[in-house]
Amino acid sequence: MKTSTGPQSGTGVTGDISHTRRLEFDVIGDIINFANQLELLSREFKVRIVTSDSFLFTARQSDNLIRFLFAALKRDTSRRRDANIDVWTLQVV
């Protein structure tokens, strides 16, 4: 089984959105949609991880982050975002 991901950081809403007889937990928000869009790009590029400049900047601010090497893939003109973004993947060393 192959998996892919589009890690991103930001604000979303989490919670139980179902009727009282049924338990259904969900996460919604623009950041969730953006992470999904990044995950779809990982399929297009045939890589496991695709992330954005903003996520890498946030991750690099963490004192506990293991320093992985990321390689630029392309500048993506996203239909759901106002600006162009650079997308990155984890580089295999």
Foldseek 3Di string as FASTA:
>chain_A
DAAAWEDDDDDWDWDFPDDPVDGDIDIDDPRVVVRVVQRVVCVVVVHRYKYWPRRVVVLVVDPPHDDFDKDWDDFDDDPVDDDIIIMIGGDDD
